[in-house]
Amino acid sequence: PKFSNTKEKAVISAMKSDLRNYASSQESYYADYTTYGDLTGNTAYFR
């Protein structure tokens, strides 16, 4: 049971990390275009 809980914690940590990276991508996009945008499919800024 200890190991099965560890996998879910790792997945949640990866999701939080992706959101932090998305925030950095939004700020990079804002620096280029002075507006926030939808970066969902824009692999130049976020993957």
All heavy atoms as atom14 arrays in JSON, in Angstrom:
{
  "sequence": "PKFSNTKEKAVISAMKSDLRNYASSQESYYADYTTYGDLTGNTAYFR",
  "atom14_mask": [
    [1, 1, 1, 1, 1, 1, 1, 0, 0, 0, 0, 0, 0, 0],
    [1, 1, 1, 1, 1, 1, 1, 1, 1, 0, 0, 0, 0, 0],
    [1, 1, 1, 1, 1, 1, 1, 1, 1, 1, 1, 0, 0, 0],
    [1, 1, 1, 1, 1, 1, 0, 0, 0, 0, 0, 0, 0, 0],
    [1, 1, 1, 1, 1, 1, 1, 1, 0, 0, 0, 0, 0, 0],
    [1, 1, 1, 1, 1, 1, 1, 0, 0, 0, 0, 0, 0, 0],
    [1, 1, 1, 1, 1, 1, 1, 1, 1, 0, 0, 0, 0, 0],
    [1, 1, 1, 1, 1, 1, 1, 1, 1, 0, 0, 0, 0, 0],
    [1, 1, 1, 1, 1, 1, 1, 1, 1, 0, 0, 0, 0, 0],
    [1, 1, 1, 1, 1, 0, 0, 0, 0, 0, 0, 0, 0, 0],
    [1, 1, 1, 1, 1, 1, 1, 0, 0, 0, 0, 0, 0, 0],
    [1, 1, 1, 1, 1, 1, 1, 1, 0, 0, 0, 0, 0, 0],
    [1, 1, 1, 1, 1, 1, 0, 0, 0, 0, 0, 0, 0, 0],
    [1, 1, 1, 1, 1, 0, 0, 0, 0, 0, 0, 0, 0, 0],
    [1, 1, 1, 1, 1, 1, 1, 1, 0, 0, 0, 0, 0, 0],
    [1, 1, 1, 1, 1, 1, 1, 1, 1, 0, 0, 0, 0, 0],
    [1, 1, 1, 1, 1, 1, 0, 0, 0, 0, 0, 0, 0, 0],
    [1, 1, 1, 1, 1, 1, 1, 1, 0, 0, 0, 0, 0, 0],
    [1, 1, 1, 1, 1, 1, 1, 1, 0, 0, 0, 0, 0, 0],
    [1, 1, 1, 1, 1, 1, 1, 1, 1, 1, 1, 0, 0, 0],
    [1, 1, 1, 1, 1, 1, 1, 1, 0, 0, 0, 0, 0, 0],
    [1, 1, 1, 1, 1, 1, 1, 1, 1, 1, 1, 1, 0, 0],
    [1, 1, 1, 1, 1, 0, 0, 0, 0, 0, 0, 0, 0, 0],
    [1, 1, 1, 1, 1, 1, 0, 0, 0, 0, 0, 0, 0, 0],
    [1, 1, 1, 1, 1, 1, 0, 0, 0, 0, 0, 0, 0, 0],
    [1, 1, 1, 1, 1, 1, 1, 1, 1, 0, 0, 0, 0, 0],
    [1, 1, 1, 1, 1, 1, 1, 1, 1, 0, 0, 0, 0, 0],
    [1, 1, 1, 1, 1, 1, 0, 0, 0, 0, 0, 0, 0, 0],
    [1, 1, 1, 1, 1, 1, 1, 1, 1, 1, 1, 1, 0, 0],
    [1, 1, 1, 1, 1, 1, 1, 1, 1, 1, 1, 1, 0, 0],
    [1, 1, 1, 1, 1, 0, 0, 0, 0, 0, 0, 0, 0, 0],
    [1, 1, 1, 1, 1, 1, 1, 1, 0, 0, 0, 0, 0, 0],
    [1, 1, 1, 1, 1, 1, 1, 1, 1, 1, 1, 1, 0, 0],
    [1, 1, 1, 1, 1, 1, 1, 0, 0, 0, 0, 0, 0, 0],
    [1, 1, 1, 1, 1, 1, 1, 0, 0, 0, 0, 0, 0, 0],
    [1, 1, 1, 1, 1, 1, 1, 1, 1, 1, 1, 1, 0, 0],
    [1, 1, 1, 1, 0, 0, 0, 0, 0, 0, 0, 0, 0, 0],
    [1, 1, 1, 1, 1, 1, 1, 1, 0, 0, 0, 0, 0, 0],
    [1, 1, 1, 1, 1, 1, 1, 1, 0, 0, 0, 0, 0, 0],
    [1, 1, 1, 1, 1, 1, 1, 0, 0, 0, 0, 0, 0, 0],
    [1, 1, 1, 1, 0, 0, 0, 0, 0, 0, 0, 0, 0, 0],
    [1, 1, 1, 1, 1, 1, 1, 1, 0, 0, 0, 0, 0, 0],
    [1, 1, 1, 1, 1, 1, 1, 0, 0, 0, 0, 0, 0, 0],
    [1, 1, 1, 1, 1, 0, 0, 0, 0, 0, 0, 0, 0, 0],
    [1, 1, 1, 1, 1, 1, 1, 1, 1, 1, 1, 1, 0, 0],
    [1, 1, 1, 1, 1, 1, 1, 1, 1, 1, 1, 0, 0, 0],
    [1, 1, 1, 1, 1, 1, 1, 1, 1, 1, 1, 0, 0, 0]
  ],
  "atom14_positions": [
    [[0.81, -1.23, 0.0], [0.0, 0.0, 0.0], [0.84, 1.28, 0.0], [0.45, 2.29, -0.58], [-0.82, -0.11, 1.29], [-0.87, -1.56, 1.59], [0.43, -2.11, 1.11], [0.0, 0.0, 0.0], [0.0, 0.0, 0.0], [0.0, 0.0, 0.0], [0.0, 0.0, 0.0], [0.0, 0.0, 0.0], [0.0, 0.0, 0.0], [0.0, 0.0, 0.0]],
    [[2.0, 1.24, 0.63], [2.87, 2.42, 0.63], [3.36, 2.75, -0.78], [3.43, 3.91, -1.16], [4.07, 2.18, 1.55], [3.74, 1.9, 2.97], [3.29, 3.12, 3.69], [3.04, 2.78, 5.15], [2.44, 3.85, 5.87], [0.0, 0.0, 0.0], [0.0, 0.0, 0.0], [0.0, 0.0, 0.0], [0.0, 0.0, 0.0], [0.0, 0.0, 0.0]],
    [[3.71, 1.74, -1.56], [4.2, 1.97, -2.91], [3.1, 2.4, -3.87], [3.33, 3.19, -4.78], [4.9, 0.73, -3.45], [6.21, 0.46, -2.78], [6.46, -0.76, -2.18], [7.2, 1.41, -2.75], [7.66, -1.01, -1.55], [8.41, 1.18, -2.13], [8.64, -0.03, -1.53], [0.0, 0.0, 0.0], [0.0, 0.0, 0.0], [0.0, 0.0, 0.0]],
    [[1.88, 1.91, -3.69], [0.8, 2.3, -4.59], [0.43, 3.76, -4.4], [0.05, 4.45, -5.34], [-0.42, 1.4, -4.38], [-0.96, 1.59, -3.09], [0.0, 0.0, 0.0], [0.0, 0.0, 0.0], [0.0, 0.0, 0.0], [0.0, 0.0, 0.0], [0.0, 0.0, 0.0], [0.0, 0.0, 0.0], [0.0, 0.0, 0.0], [0.0, 0.0, 0.0]],
    [[0.53, 4.28, -3.18], [0.25, 5.68, -2.92], [1.35, 6.58, -3.49], [1.09, 7.7, -3.89], [0.12, 5.89, -1.41], [-0.43, 7.25, -1.06], [-1.02, 7.92, -1.9], [-0.24, 7.66, 0.17], [0.0, 0.0, 0.0], [0.0, 0.0, 0.0], [0.0, 0.0, 0.0], [0.0, 0.0, 0.0], [0.0, 0.0, 0.0], [0.0, 0.0, 0.0]],
    [[2.56, 6.08, -3.57], [3.68, 6.85, -4.09], [3.49, 7.18, -5.57], [3.83, 8.28, -6.02], [4.99, 6.07, -3.89], [5.13, 5.78, -2.51], [6.19, 6.86, -4.35], [0.0, 0.0, 0.0], [0.0, 0.0, 0.0], [0.0, 0.0, 0.0], [0.0, 0.0, 0.0], [0.0, 0.0, 0.0], [0.0, 0.0, 0.0], [0.0, 0.0, 0.0]],
    [[2.94, 6.28, -6.33], [2.73, 6.52, -7.76], [1.76, 7.68, -7.98], [2.0, 8.54, -8.83], [2.22, 5.26, -8.45], [2.06, 5.42, -9.93], [1.61, 4.15, -10.6], [1.43, 4.41, -12.08], [0.92, 3.24, -12.78], [0.0, 0.0, 0.0], [0.0, 0.0, 0.0], [0.0, 0.0, 0.0], [0.0, 0.0, 0.0], [0.0, 0.0, 0.0]],
    [[0.67, 7.72, -7.22], [-0.29, 8.81, -7.38], [0.33, 10.15, -6.99], [0.1, 11.16, -7.63], [-1.55, 8.56, -6.57], [-2.6, 9.64, -6.8], [-3.94, 9.32, -6.16], [-4.09, 8.24, -5.58], [-4.82, 10.18, -6.25], [0.0, 0.0, 0.0], [0.0, 0.0, 0.0], [0.0, 0.0, 0.0], [0.0, 0.0, 0.0], [0.0, 0.0, 0.0]],
    [[1.14, 10.16, -5.96], [1.82, 11.4, -5.56], [2.75, 11.89, -6.66], [2.86, 13.09, -6.92], [2.6, 11.19, -4.27], [1.75, 11.11, -3.03], [2.63, 10.94, -1.8], [1.8, 10.85, -0.54], [2.63, 10.67, 0.66], [0.0, 0.0, 0.0], [0.0, 0.0, 0.0], [0.0, 0.0, 0.0], [0.0, 0.0, 0.0], [0.0, 0.0, 0.0]],
    [[3.42, 10.97, -7.33], [4.32, 11.35, -8.42], [3.55, 11.94, -9.6], [3.98, 12.91, -10.21], [5.12, 10.14, -8.88], [0.0, 0.0, 0.0], [0.0, 0.0, 0.0], [0.0, 0.0, 0.0], [0.0, 0.0, 0.0], [0.0, 0.0, 0.0], [0.0, 0.0, 0.0], [0.0, 0.0, 0.0], [0.0, 0.0, 0.0], [0.0, 0.0, 0.0]],
    [[2.38, 11.38, -9.9], [1.55, 11.89, -10.99], [1.06, 13.3, -10.66], [1.09, 14.2, -11.5], [0.36, 10.95, -11.27], [-0.66, 11.59, -12.18], [0.86, 9.64, -11.86], [0.0, 0.0, 0.0], [0.0, 0.0, 0.0], [0.0, 0.0, 0.0], [0.0, 0.0, 0.0], [0.0, 0.0, 0.0], [0.0, 0.0, 0.0], [0.0, 0.0, 0.0]],
    [[0.65, 13.53, -9.42], [0.17, 14.85, -9.01], [1.31, 15.86, -9.04], [1.13, 17.0, -9.48], [-0.49, 14.77, -7.62], [-1.8, 13.98, -7.72], [-0.75, 16.15, -7.05], [-2.43, 13.64, -6.4], [0.0, 0.0, 0.0], [0.0, 0.0, 0.0], [0.0, 0.0, 0.0], [0.0, 0.0, 0.0], [0.0, 0.0, 0.0], [0.0, 0.0, 0.0]],
    [[2.5, 15.45, -8.63], [3.66, 16.35, -8.7], [3.99, 16.73, -10.15], [4.34, 17.87, -10.43], [4.88, 15.69, -8.06], [4.69, 15.53, -6.69], [0.0, 0.0, 0.0], [0.0, 0.0, 0.0], [0.0, 0.0, 0.0], [0.0, 0.0, 0.0], [0.0, 0.0, 0.0], [0.0, 0.0, 0.0], [0.0, 0.0, 0.0], [0.0, 0.0, 0.0]],
    [[3.85, 15.78, -11.06], [4.09, 16.08, -12.48], [3.04, 17.05, -13.02], [3.37, 17.94, -13.81], [4.08, 14.79, -13.29], [0.0, 0.0, 0.0], [0.0, 0.0, 0.0], [0.0, 0.0, 0.0], [0.0, 0.0, 0.0], [0.0, 0.0, 0.0], [0.0, 0.0, 0.0], [0.0, 0.0, 0.0], [0.0, 0.0, 0.0], [0.0, 0.0, 0.0]],
    [[1.78, 16.9, -12.59], [0.73, 17.82, -13.04], [1.0, 19.23, -12.52], [0.86, 20.22, -13.25], [-0.65, 17.33, -12.58], [-1.09, 16.08, -13.27], [-2.73, 15.4, -12.91], [-3.29, 16.16, -11.45], [0.0, 0.0, 0.0], [0.0, 0.0, 0.0], [0.0, 0.0, 0.0], [0.0, 0.0, 0.0], [0.0, 0.0, 0.0], [0.0, 0.0, 0.0]],
    [[1.43, 19.36, -11.26], [1.75, 20.67, -10.7], [2.95, 21.29, -11.42], [2.97, 22.49, -11.69], [2.04, 20.55, -9.21], [0.81, 20.31, -8.36], [1.19, 20.22, -6.89], [-0.02, 20.02, -6.01], [0.37, 19.95, -4.57], [0.0, 0.0, 0.0], [0.0, 0.0, 0.0], [0.0, 0.0, 0.0], [0.0, 0.0, 0.0], [0.0, 0.0, 0.0]],
    [[3.94, 20.46, -11.72], [5.11, 20.94, -12.44], [4.73, 21.45, -13.83], [5.23, 22.49, -14.28], [6.14, 19.83, -12.55], [7.24, 20.24, -13.3], [0.0, 0.0, 0.0], [0.0, 0.0, 0.0], [0.0, 0.0, 0.0], [0.0, 0.0, 0.0], [0.0, 0.0, 0.0], [0.0, 0.0, 0.0], [0.0, 0.0, 0.0], [0.0, 0.0, 0.0]],
    [[3.83, 20.74, -14.51], [3.37, 21.19, -15.82], [2.67, 22.54, -15.72], [2.84, 23.4, -16.59], [2.44, 20.17, -16.45], [3.19, 19.07, -17.18], [4.43, 19.15, -17.27], [2.54, 18.12, -17.64], [0.0, 0.0, 0.0], [0.0, 0.0, 0.0], [0.0, 0.0, 0.0], [0.0, 0.0, 0.0], [0.0, 0.0, 0.0], [0.0, 0.0, 0.0]],
    [[1.89, 22.74, -14.67], [1.2, 24.03, -14.52], [2.19, 25.16, -14.24], [2.02, 26.28, -14.73], [0.15, 23.95, -13.42], [-1.1, 23.16, -13.79], [-2.03, 23.04, -12.6], [-1.84, 23.82, -14.95], [0.0, 0.0, 0.0], [0.0, 0.0, 0.0], [0.0, 0.0, 0.0], [0.0, 0.0, 0.0], [0.0, 0.0, 0.0], [0.0, 0.0, 0.0]],
    [[3.23, 24.88, -13.47], [4.26, 25.91, -13.24], [4.99, 26.24, -14.54], [5.29, 27.4, -14.83], [5.24, 25.43, -12.18], [4.65, 25.42, -10.79], [5.72, 25.11, -9.72], [5.07, 24.76, -8.48], [4.9, 23.52, -8.04], [5.35, 22.49, -8.73], [4.31, 23.3, -6.88], [0.0, 0.0, 0.0], [0.0, 0.0, 0.0], [0.0, 0.0, 0.0]],
    [[5.27, 25.21, -15.34], [5.91, 25.44, -16.64], [4.97, 26.21, -17.57], [5.41, 27.05, -18.36], [6.32, 24.12, -17.28], [7.46, 23.46, -16.55], [8.22, 24.12, -15.84], [7.58, 22.15, -16.69], [0.0, 0.0, 0.0], [0.0, 0.0, 0.0], [0.0, 0.0, 0.0], [0.0, 0.0, 0.0], [0.0, 0.0, 0.0], [0.0, 0.0, 0.0]],
    [[3.67, 25.91, -17.48], [2.69, 26.64, -18.29], [2.67, 28.12, -17.89], [2.55, 29.0, -18.75], [1.31, 26.01, -18.11], [0.25, 26.56, -19.03], [0.11, 26.07, -20.32], [-0.61, 27.57, -18.62], [-0.85, 26.57, -21.18], [-1.59, 28.08, -19.47], [-1.7, 27.57, -20.73], [-2.65, 28.08, -21.58], [0.0, 0.0, 0.0], [0.0, 0.0, 0.0]],
    [[2.8, 28.39, -16.58], [2.84, 29.78, -16.12], [4.06, 30.5, -16.69], [3.95, 31.65, -17.15], [2.85, 29.82, -14.6], [0.0, 0.0, 0.0], [0.0, 0.0, 0.0], [0.0, 0.0, 0.0], [0.0, 0.0, 0.0], [0.0, 0.0, 0.0], [0.0, 0.0, 0.0], [0.0, 0.0, 0.0], [0.0, 0.0, 0.0], [0.0, 0.0, 0.0]],
    [[5.2, 29.83, -16.71], [6.41, 30.43, -17.3], [6.22, 30.68, -18.79], [6.65, 31.7, -19.33], [7.61, 29.52, -17.09], [7.89, 29.38, -15.73], [0.0, 0.0, 0.0], [0.0, 0.0, 0.0], [0.0, 0.0, 0.0], [0.0, 0.0, 0.0], [0.0, 0.0, 0.0], [0.0, 0.0, 0.0], [0.0, 0.0, 0.0], [0.0, 0.0, 0.0]],
    [[5.54, 29.74, -19.45], [5.27, 29.91, -20.88], [4.34, 31.08, -21.14], [4.52, 31.83, -22.1], [4.66, 28.63, -21.46], [5.54, 27.56, -21.29], [0.0, 0.0, 0.0], [0.0, 0.0, 0.0], [0.0, 0.0, 0.0], [0.0, 0.0, 0.0], [0.0, 0.0, 0.0], [0.0, 0.0, 0.0], [0.0, 0.0, 0.0], [0.0, 0.0, 0.0]],
    [[3.35, 31.25, -20.27], [2.43, 32.38, -20.42], [3.19, 33.7, -20.26], [2.94, 34.65, -21.0], [1.29, 32.31, -19.4], [0.19, 31.36, -19.76], [-0.7, 31.9, -20.88], [-0.47, 32.93, -21.5], [-1.73, 31.13, -21.18], [0.0, 0.0, 0.0], [0.0, 0.0, 0.0], [0.0, 0.0, 0.0], [0.0, 0.0, 0.0], [0.0, 0.0, 0.0]],
    [[4.09, 33.75, -19.3], [4.86, 34.99, -19.1], [5.79, 35.25, -20.29], [5.99, 36.4, -20.69], [5.64, 34.93, -17.79], [4.76, 34.9, -16.56], [3.78, 36.07, -16.48], [4.15, 37.2, -16.86], [2.63, 35.83, -16.06], [0.0, 0.0, 0.0], [0.0, 0.0, 0.0], [0.0, 0.0, 0.0], [0.0, 0.0, 0.0], [0.0, 0.0, 0.0]],
    [[6.35, 34.19, -20.86], [7.17, 34.35, -22.06], [6.34, 34.85, -23.23], [6.76, 35.73, -23.99], [7.83, 33.02, -22.4], [8.57, 33.11, -23.58], [0.0, 0.0, 0.0], [0.0, 0.0, 0.0], [0.0, 0.0, 0.0], [0.0, 0.0, 0.0], [0.0, 0.0, 0.0], [0.0, 0.0, 0.0], [0.0, 0.0, 0.0], [0.0, 0.0, 0.0]],
    [[5.13, 34.28, -23.37], [4.22, 34.71, -24.42], [3.82, 36.17, -24.21], [3.76, 36.95, -25.15], [2.98, 33.81, -24.43], [2.03, 34.04, -25.56], [2.2, 33.4, -26.78], [0.94, 34.91, -25.43], [1.32, 33.61, -27.83], [0.06, 35.12, -26.48], [0.25, 34.47, -27.67], [-0.61, 34.68, -28.71], [0.0, 0.0, 0.0], [0.0, 0.0, 0.0]],
    [[3.57, 36.54, -22.95], [3.18, 37.91, -22.64], [4.32, 38.88, -22.96], [4.08, 39.99, -23.44], [2.79, 38.03, -21.16], [2.22, 39.37, -20.8], [0.87, 39.63, -20.98], [3.02, 40.38, -20.28], [0.33, 40.86, -20.66], [2.49, 41.61, -19.96], [1.15, 41.85, -20.15], [0.61, 43.07, -19.84], [0.0, 0.0, 0.0], [0.0, 0.0, 0.0]],
    [[5.56, 38.45, -22.71], [6.71, 39.31, -23.02], [6.83, 39.54, -24.52], [7.26, 40.63, -24.96], [7.99, 38.68, -22.49], [0.0, 0.0, 0.0], [0.0, 0.0, 0.0], [0.0, 0.0, 0.0], [0.0, 0.0, 0.0], [0.0, 0.0, 0.0], [0.0, 0.0, 0.0], [0.0, 0.0, 0.0], [0.0, 0.0, 0.0], [0.0, 0.0, 0.0]],
    [[6.44, 38.57, -25.34], [6.52, 38.71, -26.78], [5.36, 39.5, -27.37], [5.53, 40.29, -28.3], [6.57, 37.34, -27.45], [7.89, 36.62, -27.2], [8.86, 37.29, -26.78], [7.94, 35.4, -27.42], [0.0, 0.0, 0.0], [0.0, 0.0, 0.0], [0.0, 0.0, 0.0], [0.0, 0.0, 0.0], [0.0, 0.0, 0.0], [0.0, 0.0, 0.0]],
    [[4.13, 39.29, -26.85], [2.93, 39.84, -27.48], [2.14, 40.79, -26.6], [1.08, 41.26, -27.01], [2.01, 38.7, -27.94], [2.67, 37.78, -28.94], [3.11, 36.52, -28.54], [2.86, 38.17, -30.26], [3.72, 35.67, -29.45], [3.47, 37.33, -31.17], [3.9, 36.08, -30.75], [4.52, 35.24, -31.65], [0.0, 0.0, 0.0], [0.0, 0.0, 0.0]],
    [[2.59, 41.07, -25.39], [1.92, 41.91, -24.4], [0.45, 41.53, -24.19], [-0.41, 42.38, -23.99], [2.03, 43.42, -24.74], [1.37, 43.66, -25.97], [3.46, 43.88, -24.77], [0.0, 0.0, 0.0], [0.0, 0.0, 0.0], [0.0, 0.0, 0.0], [0.0, 0.0, 0.0], [0.0, 0.0, 0.0], [0.0, 0.0, 0.0], [0.0, 0.0, 0.0]],
    [[0.17, 40.26, -24.24], [-1.15, 39.72, -23.94], [-1.0, 38.25, -23.58], [-0.03, 37.61, -24.0], [-2.11, 39.88, -25.13], [-3.41, 39.44, -24.74], [-1.66, 39.12, -26.35], [0.0, 0.0, 0.0], [0.0, 0.0, 0.0], [0.0, 0.0, 0.0], [0.0, 0.0, 0.0], [0.0, 0.0, 0.0], [0.0, 0.0, 0.0], [0.0, 0.0, 0.0]],
    [[-1.92, 37.75, -22.78], [-1.92, 36.31, -22.48], [-2.75, 35.61, -23.54], [-3.7, 36.17, -24.07], [-2.52, 36.03, -21.1], [-1.66, 36.53, -19.97], [-2.1, 37.55, -19.15], [-0.42, 35.98, -19.72], [-1.32, 38.01, -18.1], [0.37, 36.43, -18.69], [-0.09, 37.44, -17.88], [0.69, 37.9, -16.85], [0.0, 0.0, 0.0], [0.0, 0.0, 0.0]],
    [[-2.41, 34.38, -23.85], [-3.13, 33.65, -24.89], [-3.34, 32.2, -24.52], [-2.84, 31.7, -23.51], [0.0, 0.0, 0.0], [0.0, 0.0, 0.0], [0.0, 0.0, 0.0], [0.0, 0.0, 0.0], [0.0, 0.0, 0.0], [0.0, 0.0, 0.0], [0.0, 0.0, 0.0], [0.0, 0.0, 0.0], [0.0, 0.0, 0.0], [0.0, 0.0, 0.0]],
    [[-4.08, 31.5, -25.36], [-4.32, 30.07, -25.18], [-3.14, 29.32, -25.78], [-2.97, 29.28, -26.99], [-5.64, 29.67, -25.84], [-5.97, 28.21, -25.64], [-5.25, 27.54, -24.88], [-6.96, 27.74, -26.23], [0.0, 0.0, 0.0], [0.0, 0.0, 0.0], [0.0, 0.0, 0.0], [0.0, 0.0, 0.0], [0.0, 0.0, 0.0], [0.0, 0.0, 0.0]],
    [[-2.32, 28.71, -24.93], [-1.11, 28.01, -25.39], [-1.31, 26.51, -25.48], [-0.34, 25.77, -25.58], [0.05, 28.31, -24.44], [0.41, 29.77, -24.24], [1.59, 29.89, -23.3], [0.73, 30.44, -25.56], [0.0, 0.0, 0.0], [0.0, 0.0, 0.0], [0.0, 0.0, 0.0], [0.0, 0.0, 0.0], [0.0, 0.0, 0.0], [0.0, 0.0, 0.0]],
    [[-2.54, 26.04, -25.45], [-2.81, 24.6, -25.4], [-2.14, 23.86, -26.55], [-1.47, 22.87, -26.35], [-4.33, 24.34, -25.41], [-4.89, 25.0, -24.28], [-4.62, 22.87, -25.32], [0.0, 0.0, 0.0], [0.0, 0.0, 0.0], [0.0, 0.0, 0.0], [0.0, 0.0, 0.0], [0.0, 0.0, 0.0], [0.0, 0.0, 0.0], [0.0, 0.0, 0.0]],
    [[-2.26, 24.32, -27.76], [-1.67, 23.63, -28.9], [-0.4, 24.27, -29.41], [0.16, 23.83, -30.4], [0.0, 0.0, 0.0], [0.0, 0.0, 0.0], [0.0, 0.0, 0.0], [0.0, 0.0, 0.0], [0.0, 0.0, 0.0], [0.0, 0.0, 0.0], [0.0, 0.0, 0.0], [0.0, 0.0, 0.0], [0.0, 0.0, 0.0], [0.0, 0.0, 0.0]],
    [[0.08, 25.3, -28.75], [1.24, 26.06, -29.2], [2.51, 25.43, -28.62], [2.97, 25.79, -27.55], [1.1, 27.51, -28.75], [2.1, 28.42, -29.43], [3.1, 27.95, -29.96], [1.83, 29.7, -29.41], [0.0, 0.0, 0.0], [0.0, 0.0, 0.0], [0.0, 0.0, 0.0], [0.0, 0.0, 0.0], [0.0, 0.0, 0.0], [0.0, 0.0, 0.0]],
    [[3.1, 24.47, -29.33], [4.27, 23.77, -28.82], [5.54, 24.62, -28.85], [6.54, 24.23, -28.26], [4.51, 22.47, -29.61], [4.67, 22.79, -30.99], [3.37, 21.5, -29.4], [0.0, 0.0, 0.0], [0.0, 0.0, 0.0], [0.0, 0.0, 0.0], [0.0, 0.0, 0.0], [0.0, 0.0, 0.0], [0.0, 0.0, 0.0], [0.0, 0.0, 0.0]],
    [[5.49, 25.77, -29.49], [6.65, 26.65, -29.47], [6.84, 27.25, -28.08], [7.96, 27.55, -27.68], [6.47, 27.77, -30.5], [0.0, 0.0, 0.0], [0.0, 0.0, 0.0], [0.0, 0.0, 0.0], [0.0, 0.0, 0.0], [0.0, 0.0, 0.0], [0.0, 0.0, 0.0], [0.0, 0.0, 0.0], [0.0, 0.0, 0.0], [0.0, 0.0, 0.0]],
    [[5.75, 27.38, -27.31], [5.83, 27.95, -25.98], [5.68, 26.91, -24.87], [6.29, 27.04, -23.82], [4.76, 29.03, -25.79], [5.12, 30.32, -26.45], [4.71, 30.58, -27.75], [5.91, 31.26, -25.81], [5.06, 31.76, -28.38], [6.28, 32.43, -26.44], [5.85, 32.68, -27.73], [6.22, 33.83, -28.34], [0.0, 0.0, 0.0], [0.0, 0.0, 0.0]],
    [[4.85, 25.88, -25.08], [4.6, 24.93, -24.0], [4.35, 23.54, -24.55], [3.61, 23.36, -25.5], [3.4, 25.37, -23.17], [3.04, 24.37, -22.11], [3.81, 24.26, -20.97], [1.96, 23.54, -22.27], [3.5, 23.34, -20.0], [1.64, 22.61, -21.3], [2.41, 22.51, -20.16], [0.0, 0.0, 0.0], [0.0, 0.0, 0.0], [0.0, 0.0, 0.0]],
    [[4.97, 22.55, -23.91], [4.72, 21.14, -24.2], [4.69, 20.41, -22.86], [5.67, 20.42, -22.13], [5.83, 20.58, -25.09], [5.56, 19.16, -25.53], [6.61, 18.68, -26.52], [6.57, 19.51, -27.71], [7.61, 19.76, -28.49], [8.78, 19.25, -28.21], [7.5, 20.52, -29.55], [0.0, 0.0, 0.0], [0.0, 0.0, 0.0], [0.0, 0.0, 0.0]]
  ]
}
